[in-house]
Amino acid sequence: MAKCDLGYICEVCGMEVEDITGSDLYLRYVLGEVEARFLMTAKERHLRCNPVAAQFINDPGFEPISVEGPFDKRNLDPAEVAQREERTTRAWRRLQEVRSLGLPISDYPLDRMDDEPGAR
């Protein structure tokens, strides 16, 4: 298979990231950490291949991830952890729903969602 025929390849495990719902890159885009113009060229990872970020997803639909060492959220300020969990979990939930909503990719980020009337 030609390289261009492959989807996004995880830079950690080397396997294809088959869907944006499990994409670290698209989670970071929804969070506003990656600009849309970099989506086609930025490095990709599965969410589970980036445990430092994934540990902040707190949802029954996402199996929790623990991190050992200095980046373990248990070693961080509890107020900062709560804030990051709330925002990252919202972004993950948004990522789970965007394709079924039929939105243009420009409307995926939380900041766009926050501007919508009746937003969470």
Protein backbone atom coordinates (compact mmCIF):
# COMPACT_ATOMS: atom_id res chain seq x y z
CA MET A 1 0.00 0.00 0.00
CA ALA A 2 1.33 3.42 -0.89
CA LYS A 3 2.02 5.75 2.01
CA CYS A 4 -0.61 8.17 0.72
CA ASP A 5 -3.19 5.35 0.87
CA LEU A 6 -2.70 5.00 4.61
CA GLY A 7 -4.58 7.13 7.09
CA TYR A 8 -2.93 8.84 9.99
CA ILE A 9 -0.21 6.65 11.49
CA CYS A 10 0.42 6.79 15.23
CA GLU A 11 3.94 8.02 15.87
CA VAL A 12 4.09 5.93 19.07
CA CYS A 13 2.81 2.46 18.10
CA GLY A 14 2.99 2.66 14.30
CA MET A 15 -0.61 1.52 13.83
CA GLU A 16 -3.23 3.46 11.89
CA VAL A 17 -5.47 5.84 13.83
CA GLU A 18 -8.61 4.69 12.10
CA ASP A 19 -11.11 7.17 13.45
CA ILE A 20 -11.01 10.70 14.83
CA THR A 21 -12.87 9.56 17.95
CA GLY A 22 -9.62 7.94 19.12
CA SER A 23 -7.30 10.62 17.79
CA ASP A 24 -4.99 12.63 20.03
CA LEU A 25 -4.46 15.11 17.17
CA TYR A 26 -8.18 15.80 16.77
CA LEU A 27 -8.68 15.98 20.54
CA ARG A 28 -6.00 18.67 20.63
CA TYR A 29 -7.75 20.41 17.71
CA VAL A 30 -11.07 20.38 19.58
CA LEU A 31 -9.24 21.79 22.61
CA GLY A 32 -7.88 24.61 20.44
CA GLU A 33 -4.26 23.45 20.81
CA VAL A 34 -3.77 22.68 17.10
CA GLU A 35 -4.77 24.95 14.23
CA ALA A 36 -6.85 23.46 11.41
CA ARG A 37 -4.10 24.16 8.88
CA PHE A 38 -1.84 21.66 10.70
CA LEU A 39 -4.29 18.74 10.76
CA MET A 40 -2.90 17.23 7.56
CA THR A 41 0.76 17.53 8.55
CA ALA A 42 0.96 17.26 12.34
CA LYS A 43 2.11 14.07 14.04
CA GLU A 44 -0.72 11.76 15.08
CA ARG A 45 -1.20 9.44 18.03
CA HIS A 46 -3.96 7.30 19.45
CA LEU A 47 -5.40 8.87 22.59
CA ARG A 48 -4.17 5.85 24.52
CA CYS A 49 -0.67 6.36 23.11
CA ASN A 50 -0.61 9.76 24.82
CA PRO A 51 -1.47 8.81 28.41
CA VAL A 52 -0.38 12.18 29.82
CA ALA A 53 -3.27 13.84 27.98
CA ALA A 54 -5.70 10.90 28.12
CA GLN A 55 -5.54 10.67 31.92
CA PHE A 56 -7.69 13.81 32.03
CA ILE A 57 -10.64 12.17 30.23
CA ASN A 58 -13.19 11.33 32.90
CA ASP A 59 -16.15 9.64 31.22
CA PRO A 60 -17.81 6.22 31.68
CA GLY A 61 -17.27 5.59 27.95
CA PHE A 62 -13.49 5.97 28.24
CA GLU A 63 -11.43 3.44 30.16
CA PRO A 64 -9.31 5.43 32.62
CA ILE A 65 -5.57 5.69 32.07
CA SER A 66 -3.00 6.10 34.81
CA VAL A 67 0.37 7.73 34.45
CA GLU A 68 3.32 7.03 36.72
CA GLY A 69 5.95 9.65 37.40
CA PRO A 70 6.12 13.43 37.34
CA PHE A 71 3.26 13.87 34.85
CA ASP A 72 0.81 11.81 36.92
CA LYS A 73 -2.21 14.05 37.56
CA ARG A 74 -2.15 12.93 41.20
CA ASN A 75 1.07 14.94 41.54
CA LEU A 76 -0.51 18.13 40.20
CA ASP A 77 -2.54 20.87 41.82
CA PRO A 78 -6.07 19.49 42.43
CA ALA A 79 -7.76 22.67 41.17
CA GLU A 80 -5.76 22.57 37.94
CA VAL A 81 -6.53 18.85 37.54
CA ALA A 82 -10.26 19.46 37.99
CA GLN A 83 -10.22 22.25 35.41
CA ARG A 84 -8.23 20.20 32.93
CA GLU A 85 -10.43 17.13 33.45
CA GLU A 86 -13.56 19.16 32.82
CA ARG A 87 -12.23 20.71 29.61
CA THR A 88 -10.54 17.55 28.26
CA THR A 89 -13.60 15.43 29.01
CA ARG A 90 -15.84 17.97 27.24
CA ALA A 91 -13.47 17.91 24.25
CA TRP A 92 -13.48 14.09 24.18
CA ARG A 93 -17.28 14.03 24.30
CA ARG A 94 -17.39 16.62 21.53
CA LEU A 95 -15.04 14.46 19.46
CA GLN A 96 -17.38 11.49 19.92
CA GLU A 97 -20.35 13.43 18.51
CA VAL A 98 -19.05 15.77 15.80
CA ARG A 99 -19.33 13.45 12.84
CA SER A 100 -22.90 12.47 13.66
CA LEU A 101 -23.82 16.16 13.89
CA GLY A 102 -22.75 16.82 10.31
CA LEU A 103 -20.69 19.86 11.29
CA PRO A 104 -17.93 21.40 9.21
CA ILE A 105 -14.52 20.76 10.74
CA SER A 106 -14.20 24.45 11.57
CA ASP A 107 -17.00 24.00 14.13
CA TYR A 108 -15.34 21.13 16.01
CA PRO A 109 -13.34 23.20 18.56
CA LEU A 110 -14.84 23.82 21.98
CA ASP A 111 -14.47 27.58 21.62
CA ARG A 112 -16.83 27.48 18.64
CA MET A 113 -19.21 25.28 20.58
CA ASP A 114 -19.09 27.62 23.59
CA ASP A 115 -20.25 30.47 21.35
CA GLU A 116 -23.37 28.56 20.27
CA PRO A 117 -26.66 29.47 21.99
CA GLY A 118 -27.48 26.96 24.73
CA ALA A 119 -23.95 25.54 24.76
CA ARG A 120 -22.90 23.52 27.78
